[in-house]
Amino acid sequence: MCNGRVAVLCPTRGKPELFEHFLDTVEFNSSIVDVFAYVADDDPKHNDYVQLCKTGKRHPGFRECEVHFGPPLGYGRGTNWLALKHPGYSLYFTGEDDYECLGKNWDKITLNALPPDEIACVSCHYNNVGNTQCDTHVASFGGRWVTALGYISPPCLHHAWMLQAWNALSESVNRRIILPDLLWKHNGISVTEGVPPFEVDTAAYAKWRHSQDFENDVAKLARAIAEFK
C-alpha cells in the first residue's frame, strides 16, 4: 500500500514568503519528499502560492509540489484534507509555513524510525533561539496510522492542542517515537484570526480526551497493529 516516500502536508495562509523559505529548506535537506499545500479560496495571496509550487521549475528536488484551493478549513482540517487527497505514503509530515528544516536527510531518518507496520507518531524538537529546545512539537505519522484513523488531526480541536492529542493517542498504543537530535526551527509567526480563546480550546481537548471517540480511535490503532502481526 505505501510507497516508501514522504509527503509534507502544509496548510498555509497569507505567508507566501515564509512558505517559500520553508520549501527551500525542506528541498535542501531531503531526497524522497513530495509537498502538498492547502490555501483557502479567500486568501488574498493565493496566486503567489501557485507560483511557488511549479513542479520541476523552482523546486526540482520534489517529485510533486502541488497547491490545492478550497474553503477555509483551518490547520487541522486542512492537514486531514491533504492526507486523504494524497493516500499511500509511508510517512506524512505535518508542516507549517513558518518552519525551517535544520536536519540533513531528515526524511530518511524519520522514515527509518518507523516500525515495520508504519503505525506510529514520530516527533522531534524545534529550536526557537540558539540551542533552546522546546518540548516535542514537530510530528510525522506513518501511512497506516492515517489509514487506521482516517485523519491526522482530530477535527474538533484547534491547532494549539494537536500536540497533546497526538501524544495521547500514540502513548496509548505505545507508538510515540521521539528523535531528540533532529531539529526544526520555528520562526514563531503567530496567527490569531479565527483562533478560539485558550479556555475554549482547553475545554474542547478535555472533552475529546475523555470521550468515546478517543477510546474508539485508540482501539482502531491497536487493532491495526494486531492485524499487521
Protein backbone atom coordinates (compact mmCIF):
# COMPACT_ATOMS: atom_id res chain seq x y z
CA MET A 1 0.00 0.00 0.00
CA CYS A 2 2.70 2.51 0.96
CA ASN A 3 5.40 3.68 -1.38
CA GLY A 4 8.46 4.38 0.76
CA ARG A 5 8.08 8.11 0.20
CA VAL A 6 7.33 11.10 2.42
CA ALA A 7 4.51 13.60 1.95
CA VAL A 8 4.88 17.03 3.51
CA LEU A 9 1.44 18.49 4.27
CA CYS A 10 1.31 22.23 4.80
CA PRO A 11 -1.88 24.25 5.17
CA THR A 12 -0.77 27.87 4.82
CA ARG A 13 -2.33 31.30 4.81
CA GLY A 14 -1.08 34.76 3.93
CA LYS A 15 2.63 33.99 4.25
CA PRO A 16 3.96 33.05 0.79
CA GLU A 17 7.46 34.37 1.52
CA LEU A 18 7.83 32.21 4.62
CA PHE A 19 6.29 29.29 2.79
CA GLU A 20 8.88 29.67 0.04
CA HIS A 21 11.66 29.59 2.64
CA PHE A 22 10.10 26.50 4.18
CA LEU A 23 10.12 24.82 0.75
CA ASP A 24 13.74 25.81 0.15
CA THR A 25 14.96 24.32 3.43
CA VAL A 26 12.92 21.13 3.03
CA GLU A 27 14.19 20.65 -0.51
CA PHE A 28 17.81 21.24 0.51
CA ASN A 29 17.65 18.70 3.34
CA SER A 30 15.59 15.87 1.82
CA SER A 31 15.51 13.49 -1.13
CA ILE A 32 12.26 11.49 -1.10
CA VAL A 33 9.70 14.19 -0.40
CA ASP A 34 6.56 15.46 -2.11
CA VAL A 35 4.89 18.66 -0.89
CA PHE A 36 1.17 19.39 -0.81
CA ALA A 37 -0.19 22.72 0.38
CA TYR A 38 -3.71 23.90 1.14
CA VAL A 39 -4.73 27.52 0.66
CA ALA A 40 -8.18 28.91 1.38
CA ASP A 41 -10.12 30.39 -1.50
CA ASP A 42 -10.32 33.72 0.27
CA ASP A 43 -6.57 34.06 0.82
CA PRO A 44 -5.61 37.36 -0.85
CA LYS A 45 -2.19 35.96 -1.77
CA HIS A 46 -3.27 32.65 -3.26
CA ASN A 47 -1.75 33.40 -6.67
CA ASP A 48 1.67 33.72 -5.04
CA TYR A 49 1.32 30.18 -3.72
CA VAL A 50 0.63 28.87 -7.21
CA GLN A 51 3.86 30.38 -8.49
CA LEU A 52 5.85 28.84 -5.66
CA CYS A 53 4.61 25.31 -6.40
CA LYS A 54 5.57 24.80 -10.05
CA THR A 55 6.89 21.25 -10.23
CA GLY A 56 10.30 20.94 -11.86
CA LYS A 57 10.93 24.68 -12.04
CA ARG A 58 11.78 26.40 -8.79
CA HIS A 59 11.85 23.19 -6.76
CA PRO A 60 13.20 20.36 -8.92
CA GLY A 61 14.06 18.33 -5.81
CA PHE A 62 10.38 17.48 -5.29
CA ARG A 63 8.70 14.91 -7.47
CA GLU A 64 5.43 16.67 -6.74
CA CYS A 65 4.78 20.12 -5.33
CA GLU A 66 1.11 20.96 -5.54
CA VAL A 67 -1.13 23.62 -4.05
CA HIS A 68 -4.83 22.99 -3.50
CA PHE A 69 -7.50 25.61 -3.05
CA GLY A 70 -10.72 25.21 -1.13
CA PRO A 71 -12.94 26.67 1.56
CA PRO A 72 -11.29 27.88 4.77
CA LEU A 73 -10.61 24.81 6.92
CA GLY A 74 -8.01 25.83 9.47
CA TYR A 75 -4.83 23.88 10.14
CA GLY A 76 -6.20 20.60 11.45
CA ARG A 77 -8.91 20.08 8.86
CA GLY A 78 -6.59 21.31 6.14
CA THR A 79 -4.00 18.71 7.10
CA ASN A 80 -6.65 15.99 7.11
CA TRP A 81 -7.92 17.06 3.70
CA LEU A 82 -4.43 16.86 2.22
CA ALA A 83 -3.71 13.45 3.74
CA LEU A 84 -6.92 11.97 2.35
CA LYS A 85 -6.33 13.61 -1.03
CA HIS A 86 -2.89 12.00 -1.28
CA PRO A 87 -3.09 8.47 0.14
CA GLY A 88 -0.50 5.72 0.06
CA TYR A 89 2.57 7.44 1.50
CA SER A 90 4.76 5.74 4.05
CA LEU A 91 5.13 8.94 6.09
CA TYR A 92 3.18 12.16 6.44
CA PHE A 93 4.95 15.19 7.89
CA THR A 94 2.79 17.96 9.37
CA GLY A 95 4.48 21.09 8.10
CA GLU A 96 3.90 24.74 8.85
CA ASP A 97 4.75 27.70 6.67
CA ASP A 98 6.95 29.24 9.39
CA TYR A 99 9.05 26.10 9.91
CA GLU A 100 12.65 25.85 8.78
CA CYS A 101 14.29 22.47 8.26
CA LEU A 102 17.66 22.13 10.05
CA GLY A 103 18.34 18.40 9.69
CA LYS A 104 20.03 16.93 6.64
CA ASN A 105 18.27 13.78 5.41
CA TRP A 106 15.50 14.32 7.94
CA ASP A 107 13.07 12.50 5.66
CA LYS A 108 15.07 9.25 5.54
CA ILE A 109 15.92 9.47 9.24
CA THR A 110 12.25 9.87 10.16
CA LEU A 111 11.13 7.19 7.73
CA ASN A 112 13.68 4.73 9.11
CA ALA A 113 12.40 5.35 12.63
CA LEU A 114 9.01 3.89 11.76
CA PRO A 115 8.21 0.36 12.89
CA PRO A 116 7.61 -2.19 10.10
CA ASP A 117 3.85 -1.72 10.26
CA GLU A 118 4.19 2.05 9.74
CA ILE A 119 1.86 2.80 12.65
CA ALA A 120 3.47 5.47 14.81
CA CYS A 121 3.76 9.16 15.59
CA VAL A 122 7.39 10.26 15.13
CA SER A 123 8.21 13.55 16.83
CA CYS A 124 11.20 15.83 17.15
CA HIS A 125 12.04 19.16 18.72
CA TYR A 126 12.02 22.58 17.23
CA ASN A 127 14.71 25.08 18.09
CA ASN A 128 13.49 28.64 18.59
CA VAL A 129 16.52 30.59 19.78
CA GLY A 130 20.09 29.35 19.86
CA ASN A 131 20.18 25.89 21.41
CA THR A 132 16.98 26.21 23.41
CA GLN A 133 14.87 23.14 22.71
CA CYS A 134 11.15 23.19 23.26
CA ASP A 135 9.03 20.19 24.08
CA THR A 136 8.35 17.76 21.26
CA HIS A 137 6.37 19.69 18.68
CA VAL A 138 7.10 18.61 15.10
CA ALA A 139 5.27 15.43 14.19
CA SER A 140 5.13 12.88 11.39
CA PHE A 141 2.80 9.91 11.01
CA GLY A 142 3.17 6.51 9.42
CA GLY A 143 0.91 5.84 6.47
CA ARG A 144 -1.01 3.04 8.18
CA TRP A 145 -1.63 5.29 11.20
CA VAL A 146 -3.51 7.67 8.89
CA THR A 147 -5.33 4.80 7.19
CA ALA A 148 -6.42 3.32 10.52
CA LEU A 149 -7.83 6.59 11.89
CA GLY A 150 -8.92 8.29 8.68
CA TYR A 151 -7.37 11.54 9.88
CA ILE A 152 -4.20 13.13 11.25
CA SER A 153 -5.65 15.93 13.38
CA PRO A 154 -8.80 15.43 15.47
CA PRO A 155 -11.21 17.74 13.62
CA CYS A 156 -12.80 19.01 16.84
CA LEU A 157 -9.53 20.54 18.06
CA HIS A 158 -7.69 23.71 17.20
CA HIS A 159 -4.03 23.64 16.16
CA ALA A 160 -2.75 24.61 19.62
CA TRP A 161 -3.88 21.30 21.12
CA MET A 162 -2.84 18.94 18.32
CA LEU A 163 0.44 18.08 20.05
CA GLN A 164 -1.32 16.90 23.19
CA ALA A 165 -3.80 14.91 21.13
CA TRP A 166 -1.07 13.19 19.12
CA ASN A 167 0.87 12.39 22.27
CA ALA A 168 -2.21 10.95 23.98
CA LEU A 169 -3.09 8.69 21.05
CA SER A 170 0.44 7.46 20.38
CA GLU A 171 1.24 6.84 24.04
CA SER A 172 -1.97 4.85 24.45
CA VAL A 173 -0.70 2.26 21.96
CA ASN A 174 2.99 2.63 22.83
CA ARG A 175 3.80 4.12 19.44
CA ARG A 176 5.26 7.52 20.29
CA ILE A 177 8.77 7.78 18.85
CA ILE A 178 10.96 10.80 19.64
CA LEU A 179 14.01 11.85 17.65
CA PRO A 180 15.58 14.44 20.01
CA ASP A 181 18.58 15.18 17.81
CA LEU A 182 16.54 16.05 14.73
CA LEU A 183 15.70 19.74 14.87
CA TRP A 184 13.43 22.14 13.07
CA LYS A 185 13.32 25.88 13.59
CA HIS A 186 10.01 27.54 14.28
CA ASN A 187 10.08 31.18 13.24
CA GLY A 188 7.17 31.85 15.56
CA ILE A 189 4.81 33.79 13.33
CA SER A 190 1.51 33.58 15.14
CA VAL A 191 -1.90 33.90 13.54
CA THR A 192 -4.78 34.96 15.76
CA GLU A 193 -7.52 35.24 13.13
CA GLY A 194 -10.20 32.66 13.87
CA VAL A 195 -8.36 31.26 16.89
CA PRO A 196 -10.71 30.49 19.79
CA PRO A 197 -9.92 31.65 23.33
CA PHE A 198 -7.47 29.40 25.17
CA GLU A 199 -10.11 28.35 27.69
CA VAL A 200 -12.45 27.20 24.91
CA ASP A 201 -9.69 25.17 23.28
CA THR A 202 -8.68 23.62 26.60
CA ALA A 203 -12.25 22.53 27.26
CA ALA A 204 -12.54 21.05 23.77
CA TYR A 205 -9.39 18.98 24.29
CA ALA A 206 -10.51 17.74 27.70
CA LYS A 207 -13.87 16.72 26.28
CA TRP A 208 -12.25 14.85 23.39
CA ARG A 209 -9.65 13.17 25.60
CA HIS A 210 -12.35 11.66 27.80
CA SER A 211 -14.78 10.85 25.02
CA GLN A 212 -15.82 7.60 23.38
CA ASP A 213 -14.33 8.97 20.16
CA PHE A 214 -10.88 8.89 21.75
CA GLU A 215 -11.39 5.35 23.04
CA ASN A 216 -12.61 4.24 19.62
CA ASP A 217 -9.54 5.71 17.91
CA VAL A 218 -7.18 4.00 20.35
CA ALA A 219 -8.98 0.74 19.57
CA LYS A 220 -8.58 1.34 15.83
CA LEU A 221 -4.83 1.82 16.19
CA ALA A 222 -4.47 -1.22 18.46
CA ARG A 223 -6.45 -3.35 16.02
CA ALA A 224 -4.33 -2.21 13.06
CA ILE A 225 -1.15 -3.08 14.98
CA ALA A 226 -2.50 -6.51 15.90
CA GLU A 227 -3.63 -7.23 12.34
CA PHE A 228 -0.17 -6.50 10.96
CA LYS A 229 1.38 -9.10 13.26
